[in-house]
C-alpha atoms as a PDB file:
ATOM      1  CA  UNK A   1     -15.723   4.023 -19.716  1.00  0.00           C
ATOM      2  CA  UNK A   2     -11.540   6.064 -18.305  1.00  0.00           C
ATOM      3  CA  UNK A   3     -11.561   7.102 -15.056  1.00  0.00           C
ATOM      4  CA  UNK A   4      -9.696  10.055 -14.160  1.00  0.00           C
ATOM      5  CA  UNK A   5      -5.772   8.685 -13.973  1.00  0.00           C
ATOM      6  CA  UNK A   6      -5.276  10.353 -10.348  1.00  0.00           C
ATOM      7  CA  UNK A   7      -8.131   7.658  -9.316  1.00  0.00           C
ATOM      8  CA  UNK A   8      -6.577   4.658 -10.438  1.00  0.00           C
ATOM      9  CA  UNK A   9      -3.258   5.569  -9.218  1.00  0.00           C
ATOM     10  CA  UNK A  10      -4.112   6.699  -5.863  1.00  0.00           C
ATOM     11  CA  UNK A  11      -5.382   3.332  -5.375  1.00  0.00           C
ATOM     12  CA  UNK A  12      -2.232   1.736  -6.644  1.00  0.00           C
ATOM     13  CA  UNK A  13       0.383   3.108  -3.889  1.00  0.00           C
ATOM     14  CA  UNK A  14      -0.898   2.305  -0.866  1.00  0.00           C
ATOM     15  CA  UNK A  15      -1.740  -1.313  -2.158  1.00  0.00           C
ATOM     16  CA  UNK A  16       1.812  -1.992  -3.948  1.00  0.00           C
ATOM     17  CA  UNK A  17       3.119  -0.746  -0.367  1.00  0.00           C
ATOM     18  CA  UNK A  18       0.275  -3.087   2.021  1.00  0.00           C
ATOM     19  CA  UNK A  19       1.208  -6.420  -1.170  1.00  0.00           C
ATOM     20  CA  UNK A  20       5.113  -4.742   0.006  1.00  0.00           C
ATOM     21  CA  UNK A  21       5.244  -4.715   3.073  1.00  0.00           C
ATOM     22  CA  UNK A  22       2.767  -8.306   3.458  1.00  0.00           C
ATOM     23  CA  UNK A  23       5.304  -9.642   1.663  1.00  0.00           C
ATOM     24  CA  UNK A  24       8.075  -9.265   3.338  1.00  0.00           C
ATOM     25  CA  UNK A  25       7.103 -10.023   6.594  1.00  0.00           C
ATOM     26  CA  UNK A  26       5.605 -13.421   5.319  1.00  0.00           C
ATOM     27  CA  UNK A  27       9.411 -13.863   4.007  1.00  0.00           C
ATOM     28  CA  UNK A  28      10.797 -12.400   6.978  1.00  0.00           C
ATOM     29  CA  UNK A  29       8.698 -15.421   9.413  1.00  0.00           C
ATOM     30  CA  UNK A  30       8.189 -17.554   6.418  1.00  0.00           C
ATOM     31  CA  UNK A  31       7.558 -20.787   9.077  1.00  0.00           C
ATOM     32  CA  UNK A  32       5.025 -19.376  10.894  1.00  0.00           C
ATOM     33  CA  UNK A  33       3.694 -18.217   7.338  1.00  0.00           C
ATOM     34  CA  UNK A  34       3.795 -21.357   6.223  1.00  0.00           C
ATOM     35  CA  UNK A  35       1.357 -22.244   9.876  1.00  0.00           C
ATOM     36  CA  UNK A  36      -0.985 -20.216   9.039  1.00  0.00           C
ATOM     37  CA  UNK A  37      -2.099 -21.469   5.612  1.00  0.00           C
ATOM     38  CA  UNK A  38      -1.694 -24.949   6.473  1.00  0.00           C
ATOM     39  CA  UNK A  39      -4.249 -24.039   9.263  1.00  0.00           C
ATOM     40  CA  UNK A  40      -7.299 -23.094   6.756  1.00  0.00           C
ATOM     41  CA  UNK A  41      -6.937 -26.794   5.679  1.00  0.00           C
ATOM     42  CA  UNK A  42      -7.584 -25.789   1.969  1.00  0.00           C
ATOM     43  CA  UNK A  43      -4.533 -27.805   1.238  1.00  0.00           C
ATOM     44  CA  UNK A  44      -2.839 -30.946   1.506  1.00  0.00           C
ATOM     45  CA  UNK A  45      -1.127 -31.522   5.375  1.00  0.00           C
ATOM     46  CA  UNK A  46       2.094 -29.691   5.015  1.00  0.00           C
ATOM     47  CA  UNK A  47       1.550 -27.651   1.927  1.00  0.00           C
ATOM     48  CA  UNK A  48       2.392 -24.769   3.177  1.00  0.00           C
ATOM     49  CA  UNK A  49       5.384 -24.733   2.731  1.00  0.00           C
ATOM     50  CA  UNK A  50       5.242 -25.149  -1.276  1.00  0.00           C
ATOM     51  CA  UNK A  51       2.524 -22.587  -1.738  1.00  0.00           C
ATOM     52  CA  UNK A  52       4.425 -19.996   1.022  1.00  0.00           C
ATOM     53  CA  UNK A  53       6.081 -19.081  -1.608  1.00  0.00           C
ATOM     54  CA  UNK A  54       3.986 -18.923  -4.713  1.00  0.00           C
ATOM     55  CA  UNK A  55       1.421 -16.230  -2.602  1.00  0.00           C
ATOM     56  CA  UNK A  56       4.615 -14.334  -1.441  1.00  0.00           C
ATOM     57  CA  UNK A  57       5.676 -13.907  -5.086  1.00  0.00           C
ATOM     58  CA  UNK A  58       2.750 -12.968  -6.114  1.00  0.00           C
ATOM     59  CA  UNK A  59       2.019 -10.011  -3.553  1.00  0.00           C
ATOM     60  CA  UNK A  60       5.499  -8.497  -4.773  1.00  0.00           C
ATOM     61  CA  UNK A  61       5.206  -8.799  -8.335  1.00  0.00           C
ATOM     62  CA  UNK A  62       1.609  -7.432  -7.843  1.00  0.00           C
ATOM     63  CA  UNK A  63       3.225  -4.398  -5.838  1.00  0.00           C
ATOM     64  CA  UNK A  64       5.494  -3.943  -8.072  1.00  0.00           C
ATOM     65  CA  UNK A  65       3.491  -4.144 -11.321  1.00  0.00           C
ATOM     66  CA  UNK A  66       1.285  -1.902  -9.825  1.00  0.00           C
ATOM     67  CA  UNK A  67       4.144   0.536  -9.562  1.00  0.00           C
ATOM     68  CA  UNK A  68       4.373   1.156 -13.873  1.00  0.00           C
ATOM     69  CA  UNK A  69       1.229   2.768 -15.460  1.00  0.00           C
ATOM     70  CA  UNK A  70       1.889  -0.032 -18.322  1.00  0.00           C
ATOM     71  CA  UNK A  71       1.310  -2.764 -15.928  1.00  0.00           C
ATOM     72  CA  UNK A  72      -1.326  -1.643 -13.697  1.00  0.00           C
ATOM     73  CA  UNK A  73      -4.604  -3.279 -15.076  1.00  0.00           C
ATOM     74  CA  UNK A  74      -2.972  -6.774 -15.317  1.00  0.00           C
ATOM     75  CA  UNK A  75      -1.310  -5.952 -11.020  1.00  0.00           C
ATOM     76  CA  UNK A  76      -4.839  -4.584 -10.071  1.00  0.00           C
ATOM     77  CA  UNK A  77      -6.656  -7.910 -10.630  1.00  0.00           C
ATOM     78  CA  UNK A  78      -3.999 -10.074  -9.600  1.00  0.00           C
ATOM     79  CA  UNK A  79      -3.858  -8.072  -6.326  1.00  0.00           C
ATOM     80  CA  UNK A  80      -8.056  -8.204  -6.574  1.00  0.00           C
ATOM     81  CA  UNK A  81      -7.696 -12.200  -6.891  1.00  0.00           C
ATOM     82  CA  UNK A  82      -5.377 -12.116  -4.328  1.00  0.00           C
ATOM     83  CA  UNK A  83      -7.444 -10.402  -1.519  1.00  0.00           C
ATOM     84  CA  UNK A  84     -10.712 -12.338  -2.568  1.00  0.00           C
ATOM     85  CA  UNK A  85      -8.658 -15.871  -2.235  1.00  0.00           C
ATOM     86  CA  UNK A  86      -7.301 -14.696   1.583  1.00  0.00           C
ATOM     87  CA  UNK A  87     -10.771 -13.518   2.524  1.00  0.00           C
ATOM     88  CA  UNK A  88     -12.987 -16.455   0.798  1.00  0.00           C
ATOM     89  CA  UNK A  89     -10.993 -18.688   2.625  1.00  0.00           C
ATOM     90  CA  UNK A  90     -11.097 -16.838   5.611  1.00  0.00           C
ATOM     91  CA  UNK A  91     -15.100 -17.191   4.977  1.00  0.00           C
ATOM     92  CA  UNK A  92     -14.841 -20.560   4.277  1.00  0.00           C
ATOM     93  CA  UNK A  93     -13.784 -21.616   7.445  1.00  0.00           C
ATOM     94  CA  UNK A  94     -15.597 -19.624   9.294  1.00  0.00           C
ATOM     95  CA  UNK A  95     -18.854 -21.018   7.840  1.00  0.00           C
ATOM     96  CA  UNK A  96     -16.786 -24.059   9.911  1.00  0.00           C
ATOM     97  CA  UNK A  97     -17.233 -22.826  12.727  1.00  0.00           C
ATOM     98  CA  UNK A  98     -12.901 -22.441  12.825  1.00  0.00           C
ATOM     99  CA  UNK A  99     -12.429 -19.333  14.345  1.00  0.00           C
ATOM    100  CA  UNK A 100      -8.596 -19.711  16.394  1.00  0.00           C
ATOM    101  CA  UNK A 101      -6.988 -19.584  12.979  1.00  0.00           C
ATOM    102  CA  UNK A 102      -3.928 -16.890  12.941  1.00  0.00           C
ATOM    103  CA  UNK A 103      -5.074 -15.168  10.273  1.00  0.00           C
ATOM    104  CA  UNK A 104      -1.414 -15.071   9.090  1.00  0.00           C
ATOM    105  CA  UNK A 105      -1.880 -11.530   8.161  1.00  0.00           C
ATOM    106  CA  UNK A 106      -0.140  -9.448  10.965  1.00  0.00           C
ATOM    107  CA  UNK A 107       3.127  -7.682  10.418  1.00  0.00           C
ATOM    108  CA  UNK A 108       5.461  -9.323  13.642  1.00  0.00           C
ATOM    109  CA  UNK A 109       2.602  -8.275  15.954  1.00  0.00           C
ATOM    110  CA  UNK A 110       1.206 -11.776  16.901  1.00  0.00           C
ATOM    111  CA  UNK A 111      -1.454 -14.440  15.816  1.00  0.00           C
ATOM    112  CA  UNK A 112      -4.872 -12.161  14.685  1.00  0.00           C
ATOM    113  CA  UNK A 113      -7.774 -14.747  14.567  1.00  0.00           C
ATOM    114  CA  UNK A 114      -9.625 -14.468  11.847  1.00  0.00           C
ATOM    115  CA  UNK A 115     -13.460 -12.848  11.618  1.00  0.00           C
ATOM    116  CA  UNK A 116     -15.914 -11.165   9.705  1.00  0.00           C
ATOM    117  CA  UNK A 117     -14.161  -8.123   9.853  1.00  0.00           C
ATOM    118  CA  UNK A 118     -11.266  -9.591   7.876  1.00  0.00           C
ATOM    119  CA  UNK A 119     -13.515 -10.922   5.205  1.00  0.00           C
ATOM    120  CA  UNK A 120     -14.886  -6.909   4.949  1.00  0.00           C
ATOM    121  CA  UNK A 121     -11.181  -5.658   4.856  1.00  0.00           C
ATOM    122  CA  UNK A 122     -10.466  -8.460   1.650  1.00  0.00           C
ATOM    123  CA  UNK A 123     -13.281  -6.949   0.317  1.00  0.00           C
ATOM    124  CA  UNK A 124     -12.377  -3.751   0.564  1.00  0.00           C
ATOM    125  CA  UNK A 125      -9.037  -4.767  -0.525  1.00  0.00           C
ATOM    126  CA  UNK A 126     -10.476  -6.250  -3.711  1.00  0.00           C
ATOM    127  CA  UNK A 127     -12.009  -3.325  -4.770  1.00  0.00           C
ATOM    128  CA  UNK A 128      -9.331  -0.913  -4.264  1.00  0.00           C
ATOM    129  CA  UNK A 129      -7.193  -3.492  -6.545  1.00  0.00           C
ATOM    130  CA  UNK A 130     -10.516  -3.047  -9.575  1.00  0.00           C
ATOM    131  CA  UNK A 131     -10.103   0.768  -8.814  1.00  0.00           C
ATOM    132  CA  UNK A 132      -6.447   0.423  -9.311  1.00  0.00           C
ATOM    133  CA  UNK A 133      -6.747  -1.590 -12.742  1.00  0.00           C
ATOM    134  CA  UNK A 134      -9.837   0.826 -14.032  1.00  0.00           C
ATOM    135  CA  UNK A 135      -8.726   2.061 -17.186  1.00  0.00           C
ATOM    136  CA  UNK A 136      -7.707   5.811 -17.112  1.00  0.00           C
ATOM    137  CA  UNK A 137      -7.697   8.543 -19.406  1.00  0.00           C
ATOM    138  CA  UNK A 138      -4.153   9.925 -20.818  1.00  0.00           C
ATOM    139  CA  UNK A 139      -4.272  12.965 -19.400  1.00  0.00           C
ATOM    140  CA  UNK A 140      -1.001  14.137 -17.140  1.00  0.00           C
ATOM    141  CA  UNK A 141      -0.771  14.843 -13.249  1.00  0.00           C
ATOM    142  CA  UNK A 142      -0.347  18.260 -12.178  1.00  0.00           C
ATOM    143  CA  UNK A 143       1.176  19.223  -8.609  1.00  0.00           C
ATOM    144  CA  UNK A 144      -2.804  19.759  -7.196  1.00  0.00           C
ATOM    145  CA  UNK A 145      -3.149  15.949  -8.336  1.00  0.00           C
ATOM    146  CA  UNK A 146       0.125  14.865  -6.345  1.00  0.00           C
ATOM    147  CA  UNK A 147      -0.562  16.192  -2.971  1.00  0.00           C
ATOM    148  CA  UNK A 148      -4.552  14.463  -4.089  1.00  0.00           C
ATOM    149  CA  UNK A 149      -2.762  11.247  -4.161  1.00  0.00           C
ATOM    150  CA  UNK A 150      -0.919  11.606  -1.439  1.00  0.00           C
ATOM    151  CA  UNK A 151      -3.553  12.177   0.507  1.00  0.00           C
ATOM    152  CA  UNK A 152      -5.036   9.862  -0.035  1.00  0.00           C
ATOM    153  CA  UNK A 153      -2.759   7.060   0.125  1.00  0.00           C
ATOM    154  CA  UNK A 154      -1.948   8.807   3.766  1.00  0.00           C
ATOM    155  CA  UNK A 155      -5.405   8.738   4.488  1.00  0.00           C
ATOM    156  CA  UNK A 156      -5.454   4.771   3.476  1.00  0.00           C
ATOM    157  CA  UNK A 157      -2.569   3.835   5.669  1.00  0.00           C
ATOM    158  CA  UNK A 158      -4.179   5.715   8.211  1.00  0.00           C
ATOM    159  CA  UNK A 159      -7.159   3.904   7.578  1.00  0.00           C
ATOM    160  CA  UNK A 160      -5.650   0.542   7.510  1.00  0.00           C
ATOM    161  CA  UNK A 161      -3.584   0.565  10.106  1.00  0.00           C
ATOM    162  CA  UNK A 162      -7.016   1.644  12.351  1.00  0.00           C
ATOM    163  CA  UNK A 163      -8.461  -1.443  11.411  1.00  0.00           C
ATOM    164  CA  UNK A 164      -6.248  -3.432  12.283  1.00  0.00           C
ATOM    165  CA  UNK A 165      -5.668  -2.173  15.612  1.00  0.00           C
ATOM    166  CA  UNK A 166      -9.956  -2.488  15.884  1.00  0.00           C
ATOM    167  CA  UNK A 167      -9.520  -6.711  14.048  1.00  0.00           C
ATOM    168  CA  UNK A 168      -5.976  -7.239  17.266  1.00  0.00           C
ATOM    169  CA  UNK A 169      -7.623  -6.069  20.126  1.00  0.00           C
ATOM    170  CA  UNK A 170     -11.258  -7.641  19.112  1.00  0.00           C
ATOM    171  CA  UNK A 171      -8.736 -11.176  18.675  1.00  0.00           C
ATOM    172  CA  UNK A 172      -7.393 -10.458  21.853  1.00  0.00           C
ATOM    173  CA  UNK A 173     -10.814  -9.409  23.628  1.00  0.00           C
ATOM    174  CA  UNK A 174     -12.045 -13.015  22.197  1.00  0.00           C
ATOM    175  CA  UNK A 175      -9.090 -15.096  23.366  1.00  0.00           C
ATOM    176  CA  UNK A 176      -9.332 -13.661  26.301  1.00  0.00           C
ATOM    177  CA  UNK A 177     -13.351 -14.202  27.013  1.00  0.00           C
ATOM    178  CA  UNK A 178     -12.637 -18.414  25.928  1.00  0.00           C
ATOM    179  CA  UNK A 179     -10.015 -18.218  28.340  1.00  0.00           C
ATOM    180  CA  UNK A 180     -12.112 -17.146  31.440  1.00  0.00           C
END
């Protein structure tokens, strides 16, 4: 079934921006990101230095290819797979009781600890990746479509920023409660 072409584009644009920003910040603080990967204890000790470039490249590639209708399907699937894998890594560590792990997903604001909320966030982002990958009907986009897509992207950015603020505050509160 084909969906309206504005819908995958409205999902793809904010995802591309998020993935590009995430890749940029992870690359900027490469050592911290590699250490965060190692803290998840899913790979052999020290393998974060090897895995980090691949994840940064995957995020960068997904961000770029989400912008092209010709590659949006593959990029949407790749983005969904990344977010699902990140969510699974968080869930695995939470199941083992490891709650004091830096999620590796903050944009330079300081360490945010893994939580159930991040699993929900990654599930929503996985769904957005799948929506971006959805096959779209062929019709030209009009001015109304572009305005709606812009508003949807702005709303997605605001929701994401709000979630990140709530998650960071919850992480700070949890650390404060454990130290008292």
